[in-house]
């Protein structure tokens, strides 16, 4: 057991986050995302929802403040945006990390996730809940 690490952070996820370097990207995908089609590295965290997992990850994961954007959301291309985005912004604000959000349409997001260090496949039921985080330095 380790102190001050959320139980949502599995040993495999902790290892993955530690292996990532400055500028590497992490995709946290909802339950509908074609994770295995997008990337060879997929970590399954079935039963997890993204908002809680995002909070746990941000407690130990620095965002890249040197990049134009360090958080990327999959845009639904509709006037009404996904409600889960409000939870993400609230979580990002509470994390004390400086964040800059970009929005990519679905197929552009898919291309970007192919280059991510890994994709975390969750059981999140919200649509267009996919998010990419760019790792910074400590």
C-alpha atoms as a PDB file:
ATOM      1  CA  UNK A   1       0.000   0.000   0.000  1.00  0.00           C
ATOM      2  CA  UNK A   2       1.061   3.551  -0.676  1.00  0.00           C
ATOM      3  CA  UNK A   3      -0.089   6.682   1.096  1.00  0.00           C
ATOM      4  CA  UNK A   4      -2.037   9.490  -0.569  1.00  0.00           C
ATOM      5  CA  UNK A   5      -2.742   7.612  -3.798  1.00  0.00           C
ATOM      6  CA  UNK A   6      -6.366   7.059  -4.734  1.00  0.00           C
ATOM      7  CA  UNK A   7      -7.517   3.424  -4.827  1.00  0.00           C
ATOM      8  CA  UNK A   8      -8.740   4.224  -8.371  1.00  0.00           C
ATOM      9  CA  UNK A   9      -5.086   4.324  -9.432  1.00  0.00           C
ATOM     10  CA  UNK A  10      -4.205   0.679 -10.019  1.00  0.00           C
ATOM     11  CA  UNK A  11      -0.574  -0.473  -9.857  1.00  0.00           C
ATOM     12  CA  UNK A  12      -0.565  -0.799 -13.658  1.00  0.00           C
ATOM     13  CA  UNK A  13      -1.916   2.720 -14.091  1.00  0.00           C
ATOM     14  CA  UNK A  14       0.614   4.115 -11.617  1.00  0.00           C
ATOM     15  CA  UNK A  15       3.419   2.426 -13.576  1.00  0.00           C
ATOM     16  CA  UNK A  16       2.036   3.795 -16.854  1.00  0.00           C
ATOM     17  CA  UNK A  17       1.806   7.361 -15.534  1.00  0.00           C
ATOM     18  CA  UNK A  18       5.349   7.132 -14.169  1.00  0.00           C
ATOM     19  CA  UNK A  19       6.689   5.840 -17.499  1.00  0.00           C
ATOM     20  CA  UNK A  20       5.214   8.757 -19.426  1.00  0.00           C
ATOM     21  CA  UNK A  21       7.499  11.661 -20.212  1.00  0.00           C
ATOM     22  CA  UNK A  22       7.060  15.365 -20.822  1.00  0.00           C
ATOM     23  CA  UNK A  23       4.714  15.873 -23.779  1.00  0.00           C
ATOM     24  CA  UNK A  24       3.320  12.333 -23.783  1.00  0.00           C
ATOM     25  CA  UNK A  25      -0.460  12.178 -23.940  1.00  0.00           C
ATOM     26  CA  UNK A  26      -2.955  10.043 -22.048  1.00  0.00           C
ATOM     27  CA  UNK A  27      -6.435   9.355 -23.427  1.00  0.00           C
ATOM     28  CA  UNK A  28      -9.190   8.549 -20.948  1.00  0.00           C
ATOM     29  CA  UNK A  29     -12.015   7.011 -22.955  1.00  0.00           C
ATOM     30  CA  UNK A  30     -15.691   6.436 -22.317  1.00  0.00           C
ATOM     31  CA  UNK A  31     -17.350   3.037 -22.599  1.00  0.00           C
ATOM     32  CA  UNK A  32     -18.281   3.549 -26.269  1.00  0.00           C
ATOM     33  CA  UNK A  33     -14.805   4.498 -27.458  1.00  0.00           C
ATOM     34  CA  UNK A  34     -13.119   2.073 -29.888  1.00  0.00           C
ATOM     35  CA  UNK A  35     -10.000   1.927 -27.691  1.00  0.00           C
ATOM     36  CA  UNK A  36      -8.438  -1.248 -29.056  1.00  0.00           C
ATOM     37  CA  UNK A  37      -8.881  -0.043 -32.632  1.00  0.00           C
ATOM     38  CA  UNK A  38      -7.118   3.219 -31.859  1.00  0.00           C
ATOM     39  CA  UNK A  39      -4.012   2.200 -29.934  1.00  0.00           C
ATOM     40  CA  UNK A  40      -1.949  -0.878 -29.114  1.00  0.00           C
ATOM     41  CA  UNK A  41      -1.626   0.225 -25.503  1.00  0.00           C
ATOM     42  CA  UNK A  42      -5.002   0.016 -23.812  1.00  0.00           C
ATOM     43  CA  UNK A  43      -5.504  -0.204 -20.090  1.00  0.00           C
ATOM     44  CA  UNK A  44      -8.922  -1.406 -19.010  1.00  0.00           C
ATOM     45  CA  UNK A  45     -10.444   0.180 -15.931  1.00  0.00           C
ATOM     46  CA  UNK A  46     -13.893  -1.330 -16.209  1.00  0.00           C
ATOM     47  CA  UNK A  47     -16.363  -0.082 -13.643  1.00  0.00           C
ATOM     48  CA  UNK A  48     -14.699   3.333 -13.418  1.00  0.00           C
ATOM     49  CA  UNK A  49     -16.275   6.631 -14.400  1.00  0.00           C
ATOM     50  CA  UNK A  50     -14.135   9.378 -15.863  1.00  0.00           C
ATOM     51  CA  UNK A  51     -14.804  12.293 -13.463  1.00  0.00           C
ATOM     52  CA  UNK A  52     -13.598  10.371 -10.398  1.00  0.00           C
ATOM     53  CA  UNK A  53     -10.680   8.871 -12.296  1.00  0.00           C
ATOM     54  CA  UNK A  54      -9.714  12.282 -13.693  1.00  0.00           C
ATOM     55  CA  UNK A  55      -9.603  13.713 -10.166  1.00  0.00           C
ATOM     56  CA  UNK A  56      -7.377  10.849  -8.970  1.00  0.00           C
ATOM     57  CA  UNK A  57      -5.030  11.177 -11.944  1.00  0.00           C
ATOM     58  CA  UNK A  58      -4.702  14.960 -11.656  1.00  0.00           C
ATOM     59  CA  UNK A  59      -3.603  14.576  -8.023  1.00  0.00           C
ATOM     60  CA  UNK A  60      -0.371  12.938  -9.249  1.00  0.00           C
ATOM     61  CA  UNK A  61      -0.112  13.928 -12.937  1.00  0.00           C
ATOM     62  CA  UNK A  62       1.354  17.307 -13.951  1.00  0.00           C
ATOM     63  CA  UNK A  63      -0.141  18.997 -16.997  1.00  0.00           C
ATOM     64  CA  UNK A  64       2.160  20.470 -19.649  1.00  0.00           C
ATOM     65  CA  UNK A  65       2.124  24.233 -19.197  1.00  0.00           C
ATOM     66  CA  UNK A  66       4.443  24.812 -22.154  1.00  0.00           C
ATOM     67  CA  UNK A  67       1.954  23.521 -24.739  1.00  0.00           C
ATOM     68  CA  UNK A  68      -0.725  25.567 -26.423  1.00  0.00           C
ATOM     69  CA  UNK A  69      -3.291  23.061 -25.085  1.00  0.00           C
ATOM     70  CA  UNK A  70      -2.831  20.428 -22.376  1.00  0.00           C
ATOM     71  CA  UNK A  71      -6.418  19.112 -22.222  1.00  0.00           C
ATOM     72  CA  UNK A  72      -8.316  17.967 -25.309  1.00  0.00           C
ATOM     73  CA  UNK A  73     -12.008  17.080 -25.411  1.00  0.00           C
ATOM     74  CA  UNK A  74     -13.911  15.242 -28.131  1.00  0.00           C
ATOM     75  CA  UNK A  75     -16.387  17.756 -29.525  1.00  0.00           C
ATOM     76  CA  UNK A  76     -19.899  16.592 -30.365  1.00  0.00           C
ATOM     77  CA  UNK A  77     -20.309  19.344 -33.017  1.00  0.00           C
ATOM     78  CA  UNK A  78     -23.645  20.349 -31.528  1.00  0.00           C
ATOM     79  CA  UNK A  79     -24.814  23.536 -29.898  1.00  0.00           C
ATOM     80  CA  UNK A  80     -25.573  21.674 -26.669  1.00  0.00           C
ATOM     81  CA  UNK A  81     -22.282  20.379 -25.259  1.00  0.00           C
ATOM     82  CA  UNK A  82     -21.911  17.273 -23.072  1.00  0.00           C
ATOM     83  CA  UNK A  83     -22.880  17.914 -19.453  1.00  0.00           C
ATOM     84  CA  UNK A  84     -19.878  15.923 -18.247  1.00  0.00           C
ATOM     85  CA  UNK A  85     -17.594  18.712 -19.487  1.00  0.00           C
ATOM     86  CA  UNK A  86     -18.790  20.870 -16.569  1.00  0.00           C
ATOM     87  CA  UNK A  87     -17.538  18.179 -14.173  1.00  0.00           C
ATOM     88  CA  UNK A  88     -14.197  18.088 -16.000  1.00  0.00           C
ATOM     89  CA  UNK A  89     -13.752  21.858 -15.771  1.00  0.00           C
ATOM     90  CA  UNK A  90     -14.686  21.801 -12.089  1.00  0.00           C
ATOM     91  CA  UNK A  91     -12.185  18.989 -11.438  1.00  0.00           C
ATOM     92  CA  UNK A  92      -9.463  20.755 -13.428  1.00  0.00           C
ATOM     93  CA  UNK A  93     -10.107  23.983 -11.515  1.00  0.00           C
ATOM     94  CA  UNK A  94      -9.856  22.235  -8.146  1.00  0.00           C
ATOM     95  CA  UNK A  95      -6.649  20.438  -9.154  1.00  0.00           C
ATOM     96  CA  UNK A  96      -4.624  23.672  -9.108  1.00  0.00           C
ATOM     97  CA  UNK A  97      -3.129  22.677 -12.468  1.00  0.00           C
ATOM     98  CA  UNK A  98      -3.129  25.347 -15.159  1.00  0.00           C
ATOM     99  CA  UNK A  99      -5.203  23.981 -17.994  1.00  0.00           C
ATOM    100  CA  UNK A 100      -5.873  25.054 -21.562  1.00  0.00           C
ATOM    101  CA  UNK A 101      -8.622  23.143 -23.364  1.00  0.00           C
ATOM    102  CA  UNK A 102      -8.866  22.358 -27.056  1.00  0.00           C
ATOM    103  CA  UNK A 103     -11.852  20.700 -28.733  1.00  0.00           C
ATOM    104  CA  UNK A 104     -11.409  18.224 -31.576  1.00  0.00           C
ATOM    105  CA  UNK A 105     -14.136  16.751 -33.726  1.00  0.00           C
ATOM    106  CA  UNK A 106     -14.598  13.013 -33.422  1.00  0.00           C
ATOM    107  CA  UNK A 107     -12.403  11.733 -36.253  1.00  0.00           C
ATOM    108  CA  UNK A 108      -9.611  14.208 -35.530  1.00  0.00           C
ATOM    109  CA  UNK A 109      -9.751  13.090 -31.888  1.00  0.00           C
ATOM    110  CA  UNK A 110      -9.472   9.460 -33.041  1.00  0.00           C
ATOM    111  CA  UNK A 111      -6.304  10.283 -34.995  1.00  0.00           C
ATOM    112  CA  UNK A 112      -4.839  12.069 -31.986  1.00  0.00           C
ATOM    113  CA  UNK A 113      -5.566   9.128 -29.670  1.00  0.00           C
ATOM    114  CA  UNK A 114      -3.575   6.824 -31.960  1.00  0.00           C
ATOM    115  CA  UNK A 115      -0.477   8.790 -30.930  1.00  0.00           C
ATOM    116  CA  UNK A 116      -1.255   8.744 -27.199  1.00  0.00           C
ATOM    117  CA  UNK A 117       1.041   6.860 -24.868  1.00  0.00           C
ATOM    118  CA  UNK A 118      -1.943   4.784 -23.805  1.00  0.00           C
ATOM    119  CA  UNK A 119      -5.720   4.784 -23.723  1.00  0.00           C
ATOM    120  CA  UNK A 120      -7.551   4.095 -20.490  1.00  0.00           C
ATOM    121  CA  UNK A 121     -10.839   2.354 -21.321  1.00  0.00           C
ATOM    122  CA  UNK A 122     -13.481   3.106 -18.683  1.00  0.00           C
ATOM    123  CA  UNK A 123     -17.152   2.272 -18.252  1.00  0.00           C
ATOM    124  CA  UNK A 124     -18.192   5.931 -18.497  1.00  0.00           C
ATOM    125  CA  UNK A 125     -21.709   6.091 -19.971  1.00  0.00           C
ATOM    126  CA  UNK A 126     -21.762   9.775 -20.928  1.00  0.00           C
ATOM    127  CA  UNK A 127     -21.424  10.386 -24.641  1.00  0.00           C
ATOM    128  CA  UNK A 128     -18.467  12.410 -25.953  1.00  0.00           C
ATOM    129  CA  UNK A 129     -16.784  12.062 -22.563  1.00  0.00           C
ATOM    130  CA  UNK A 130     -13.345  11.294 -24.025  1.00  0.00           C
ATOM    131  CA  UNK A 131     -10.454  13.419 -22.816  1.00  0.00           C
ATOM    132  CA  UNK A 132      -6.727  13.625 -23.539  1.00  0.00           C
ATOM    133  CA  UNK A 133      -4.210  14.977 -21.023  1.00  0.00           C
ATOM    134  CA  UNK A 134      -0.702  16.138 -22.020  1.00  0.00           C
ATOM    135  CA  UNK A 135       1.918  15.394 -19.360  1.00  0.00           C
ATOM    136  CA  UNK A 136       4.127  18.152 -18.069  1.00  0.00           C
ATOM    137  CA  UNK A 137       7.040  18.265 -15.662  1.00  0.00           C
ATOM    138  CA  UNK A 138       7.213  18.297 -11.878  1.00  0.00           C
END
